[in-house]
Amino acid sequence: MPTRNVLASPTAWRIKRLIDIAVSLAALIVLSPLLAVLAVGVALKMGRPVLFRQERVGLDERSFSLIKFRTLTNEMDASGALLPAGDRVTPFGQTMRRWSLDELPQFVNVLRGDLSLIGPRPLLDYYLPAYTERERLRHTVRPGITGLAQVRGRNSVGWDAKLALDVEYVERWSLALDAKIAVLTVLQLIRPSNVASDPGAEGDLALIRGLGEPPPERPAARRGHRD
């Protein structure tokens, strides 16, 4: 496994973790009324469960269960297969995606230590064979709720560029870089842009890199959209 930025001191990494815990705990407390409203909205518009959990790859390539609000229904075609993700996004789900409200439950992941507030976005487990050795650097830090790739284009950035930005983040990491990404994320939330209306629009990394068809998609209650 490649190693992360050795120029960052152990103290800086500990401060990053303390910031993660303090901000996530405060966010869950302050945003609890909004979380309750969103949970009720998802239950009314899409039914239960309100959350979905999906296996993603985190620090040191260990899997963990990512938590999000559901934005997709479980609508199927006549053969019993799920409709394309773009056909299952409800207006309420699209609104949550536009303002990143579906991501709010991930503050729980941060408290658990699965995520950091800022870092490369955690991707699907079956993507692992698709990475180059250099791209695997993204797994030498905790993945994040937001990251360098998200503030430099979000869904408009192709896979190669997105993974390159993840590596750039790891190699350049500092508390100052995290602060810059946090500010840019807030600005992006105020003026949302580059939010894909079709959750599957960016394509499947494993398929794009010639590793074969992705595993069959299960209902959104168990397996959600890709971000």
Protein backbone atom coordinates (compact mmCIF):
# COMPACT_ATOMS: atom_id res chain seq x y z
CA MET A 1 0.00 0.00 0.00
CA PRO A 2 1.38 3.46 -0.87
CA THR A 3 1.99 5.86 1.99
CA ARG A 4 0.28 9.20 2.64
CA ASN A 5 1.89 12.63 2.92
CA VAL A 6 4.83 12.09 5.26
CA LEU A 7 5.43 15.84 5.55
CA ALA A 8 2.28 16.31 7.67
CA SER A 9 3.05 15.86 11.35
CA PRO A 10 1.25 13.28 13.50
CA THR A 11 -0.02 16.20 15.59
CA ALA A 12 -1.71 17.71 12.52
CA TRP A 13 -3.47 14.41 11.78
CA ARG A 14 -4.66 14.24 15.41
CA ILE A 15 -5.97 17.81 15.19
CA LYS A 16 -7.84 16.86 12.00
CA ARG A 17 -9.54 14.00 13.85
CA LEU A 18 -10.48 16.22 16.80
CA ILE A 19 -12.02 18.73 14.39
CA ASP A 20 -13.97 15.91 12.73
CA ILE A 21 -15.43 14.79 16.05
CA ALA A 22 -16.26 18.28 17.33
CA VAL A 23 -17.87 19.53 14.10
CA SER A 24 -19.84 16.33 13.45
CA LEU A 25 -21.20 16.18 16.98
CA ALA A 26 -22.23 19.83 16.85
CA ALA A 27 -23.80 19.38 13.40
CA LEU A 28 -25.89 16.40 14.49
CA ILE A 29 -27.19 18.35 17.49
CA VAL A 30 -27.90 21.61 15.63
CA LEU A 31 -29.34 19.92 12.55
CA SER A 32 -31.45 17.35 14.41
CA PRO A 33 -34.78 19.15 13.59
CA LEU A 34 -33.84 19.23 9.89
CA LEU A 35 -32.79 15.57 9.99
CA ALA A 36 -36.17 14.68 11.48
CA VAL A 37 -38.04 16.62 8.77
CA LEU A 38 -36.00 14.96 6.01
CA ALA A 39 -36.57 11.53 7.52
CA VAL A 40 -40.33 12.09 7.54
CA GLY A 41 -40.19 13.40 3.97
CA VAL A 42 -38.31 10.34 2.72
CA ALA A 43 -40.74 8.02 4.52
CA LEU A 44 -43.74 9.77 2.95
CA LYS A 45 -42.30 10.10 -0.56
CA MET A 46 -40.35 6.86 -0.89
CA GLY A 47 -41.39 4.65 2.01
CA ARG A 48 -39.17 2.79 4.41
CA PRO A 49 -36.37 2.37 5.16
CA VAL A 50 -35.51 6.06 5.35
CA LEU A 51 -31.76 5.39 5.18
CA PHE A 52 -29.75 3.07 3.02
CA ARG A 53 -26.43 1.58 3.89
CA GLN A 54 -23.87 0.70 1.27
CA GLU A 55 -20.45 -0.88 1.52
CA ARG A 56 -17.70 1.57 0.58
CA VAL A 57 -13.91 1.41 0.86
CA GLY A 58 -12.19 3.57 3.44
CA LEU A 59 -8.85 3.97 5.18
CA ASP A 60 -6.33 1.22 4.36
CA GLU A 61 -8.86 -0.27 1.91
CA ARG A 62 -11.11 -1.46 4.73
CA SER A 63 -14.84 -1.64 3.99
CA PHE A 64 -17.44 0.20 6.02
CA SER A 65 -21.16 0.89 5.79
CA LEU A 66 -21.90 4.37 4.41
CA ILE A 67 -25.16 5.97 5.56
CA LYS A 68 -27.31 8.29 3.45
CA PHE A 69 -30.89 9.38 3.10
CA ARG A 70 -32.57 7.52 0.27
CA THR A 71 -33.18 9.51 -2.91
CA LEU A 72 -34.28 6.62 -5.15
CA THR A 73 -37.44 4.55 -5.25
CA ASN A 74 -37.48 0.79 -5.81
CA GLU A 75 -39.50 0.96 -9.05
CA MET A 76 -39.00 -2.02 -11.32
CA ASP A 77 -39.84 -2.89 -14.92
CA ALA A 78 -42.10 -5.71 -16.06
CA SER A 79 -39.28 -8.24 -15.72
CA GLY A 80 -38.64 -7.31 -12.10
CA ALA A 81 -35.37 -5.43 -12.76
CA LEU A 82 -34.81 -2.03 -11.21
CA LEU A 83 -35.38 0.90 -13.53
CA PRO A 84 -32.33 3.06 -14.34
CA ALA A 85 -31.36 5.31 -11.44
CA GLY A 86 -32.33 8.44 -13.36
CA ASP A 87 -35.90 7.13 -13.64
CA ARG A 88 -36.16 6.45 -9.90
CA VAL A 89 -35.12 9.83 -8.52
CA THR A 90 -38.14 11.60 -7.03
CA PRO A 91 -38.45 15.41 -7.06
CA PHE A 92 -37.92 15.33 -3.29
CA GLY A 93 -34.84 13.15 -3.75
CA GLN A 94 -33.47 15.46 -6.45
CA THR A 95 -33.92 18.45 -4.14
CA MET A 96 -31.99 16.66 -1.42
CA ARG A 97 -29.23 15.82 -3.89
CA ARG A 98 -29.05 19.39 -5.21
CA TRP A 99 -28.45 20.77 -1.72
CA SER A 100 -26.45 17.70 -0.52
CA LEU A 101 -29.03 17.06 2.20
CA ASP A 102 -28.89 13.32 1.53
CA GLU A 103 -25.31 13.39 2.84
CA LEU A 104 -26.17 14.69 6.32
CA PRO A 105 -26.42 11.25 8.01
CA GLN A 106 -22.74 10.77 7.17
CA PHE A 107 -21.85 12.89 10.20
CA VAL A 108 -22.56 9.63 12.06
CA ASN A 109 -19.92 7.93 9.90
CA VAL A 110 -17.48 10.69 10.85
CA LEU A 111 -18.10 10.14 14.57
CA ARG A 112 -17.55 6.40 14.10
CA GLY A 113 -14.20 7.07 12.44
CA ASP A 114 -15.25 5.71 9.03
CA LEU A 115 -15.08 9.17 7.42
CA SER A 116 -13.42 12.51 7.86
CA LEU A 117 -15.21 15.76 7.09
CA ILE A 118 -12.79 16.28 4.19
CA GLY A 119 -11.04 13.70 2.07
CA PRO A 120 -11.50 11.65 -1.12
CA ARG A 121 -15.09 10.47 -1.50
CA PRO A 122 -15.46 6.76 -0.57
CA LEU A 123 -16.19 4.61 -3.60
CA LEU A 124 -17.67 1.17 -4.18
CA ASP A 125 -15.76 -1.91 -3.09
CA TYR A 126 -15.71 -3.59 -6.48
CA TYR A 127 -13.81 -0.62 -7.93
CA LEU A 128 -10.63 -1.69 -6.10
CA PRO A 129 -9.09 -3.64 -9.03
CA ALA A 130 -9.70 -0.63 -11.31
CA TYR A 131 -7.23 1.69 -9.57
CA THR A 132 -3.65 2.23 -10.59
CA GLU A 133 -1.02 1.90 -7.87
CA ARG A 134 -0.81 5.67 -7.63
CA GLU A 135 -4.59 6.05 -7.37
CA ARG A 136 -4.59 3.69 -4.40
CA LEU A 137 -3.02 6.55 -2.42
CA ARG A 138 -6.61 7.77 -1.92
CA HIS A 139 -7.02 4.98 0.66
CA THR A 140 -4.10 6.12 2.84
CA VAL A 141 -6.36 8.76 4.44
CA ARG A 142 -9.89 8.62 5.75
CA PRO A 143 -12.40 9.33 2.98
CA GLY A 144 -14.48 12.47 3.37
CA ILE A 145 -17.97 13.92 3.07
CA THR A 146 -16.45 16.49 0.71
CA GLY A 147 -13.10 16.75 -0.98
CA LEU A 148 -10.89 18.41 -3.53
CA ALA A 149 -12.63 16.74 -6.49
CA GLN A 150 -16.04 17.89 -5.23
CA VAL A 151 -15.05 21.57 -5.07
CA ARG A 152 -13.35 21.41 -8.47
CA GLY A 153 -16.28 20.22 -10.51
CA ARG A 154 -18.26 17.59 -8.60
CA ASN A 155 -20.19 15.45 -11.13
CA SER A 156 -18.75 17.31 -14.15
CA VAL A 157 -15.27 15.85 -13.52
CA GLY A 158 -14.41 12.59 -15.29
CA TRP A 159 -13.07 9.58 -13.45
CA ASP A 160 -9.40 10.04 -14.40
CA ALA A 161 -9.42 13.68 -13.30
CA LYS A 162 -11.38 12.92 -10.15
CA LEU A 163 -8.96 10.21 -9.02
CA ALA A 164 -6.01 12.44 -9.87
CA LEU A 165 -7.47 15.15 -7.62
CA ASP A 166 -7.85 12.57 -4.83
CA VAL A 167 -4.14 11.76 -5.07
CA GLU A 168 -3.28 15.47 -5.21
CA TYR A 169 -5.22 15.94 -1.97
CA VAL A 170 -3.30 13.16 -0.22
CA GLU A 171 0.08 14.40 -1.39
CA ARG A 172 -0.61 18.05 -0.55
CA TRP A 173 -2.64 17.50 2.62
CA SER A 174 -2.48 20.09 5.38
CA LEU A 175 -4.93 21.65 7.79
CA ALA A 176 -4.81 24.78 5.62
CA LEU A 177 -5.89 22.76 2.55
CA ASP A 178 -8.78 21.27 4.55
CA ALA A 179 -9.83 24.77 5.61
CA LYS A 180 -9.78 25.96 1.98
CA ILE A 181 -11.90 22.99 0.84
CA ALA A 182 -14.35 23.59 3.71
CA VAL A 183 -14.84 27.23 2.64
CA LEU A 184 -15.28 26.25 -1.03
CA THR A 185 -17.78 23.57 0.00
CA VAL A 186 -19.89 26.12 1.88
CA LEU A 187 -19.84 28.42 -1.15
CA GLN A 188 -20.85 25.49 -3.35
CA LEU A 189 -23.76 24.68 -1.03
CA ILE A 190 -24.94 28.28 -1.28
CA ARG A 191 -24.70 28.19 -5.08
CA PRO A 192 -25.12 24.53 -6.11
CA SER A 193 -23.73 23.58 -9.50
CA ASN A 194 -22.66 20.48 -11.46
CA VAL A 195 -25.19 18.27 -9.67
CA ALA A 196 -26.10 15.37 -11.96
CA SER A 197 -29.85 14.87 -12.38
CA ASP A 198 -29.12 11.22 -13.19
CA PRO A 199 -27.21 9.57 -10.30
CA GLY A 200 -25.61 7.12 -12.71
CA ALA A 201 -24.57 9.70 -15.30
CA GLU A 202 -20.83 9.56 -14.58
CA GLY A 203 -20.68 5.88 -15.49
CA ASP A 204 -19.27 2.85 -13.74
CA LEU A 205 -15.50 3.02 -13.18
CA ALA A 206 -14.97 -0.74 -13.39
CA LEU A 207 -16.89 -0.92 -16.68
CA ILE A 208 -15.12 2.13 -18.12
CA ARG A 209 -11.72 0.57 -17.38
CA GLY A 210 -12.65 -2.73 -18.96
CA LEU A 211 -13.09 -4.88 -15.87
CA GLY A 212 -16.47 -6.23 -16.89
CA GLU A 213 -20.06 -5.59 -15.94
CA PRO A 214 -20.84 -4.27 -12.44
CA PRO A 215 -22.71 -6.57 -10.05
CA PRO A 216 -26.51 -6.46 -10.41
CA GLU A 217 -28.00 -3.45 -8.64
CA ARG A 218 -30.18 -4.28 -5.68
CA PRO A 219 -33.15 -2.21 -4.45
CA ALA A 220 -32.25 1.25 -3.17
CA ALA A 221 -33.13 0.18 0.37
CA ARG A 222 -29.94 -1.87 0.32
CA ARG A 223 -27.84 -0.44 -2.45
CA GLY A 224 -28.06 3.22 -3.32
CA HIS A 225 -26.90 5.41 -6.12
CA ARG A 226 -23.28 6.14 -6.83
CA ASP A 227 -21.96 9.62 -6.02
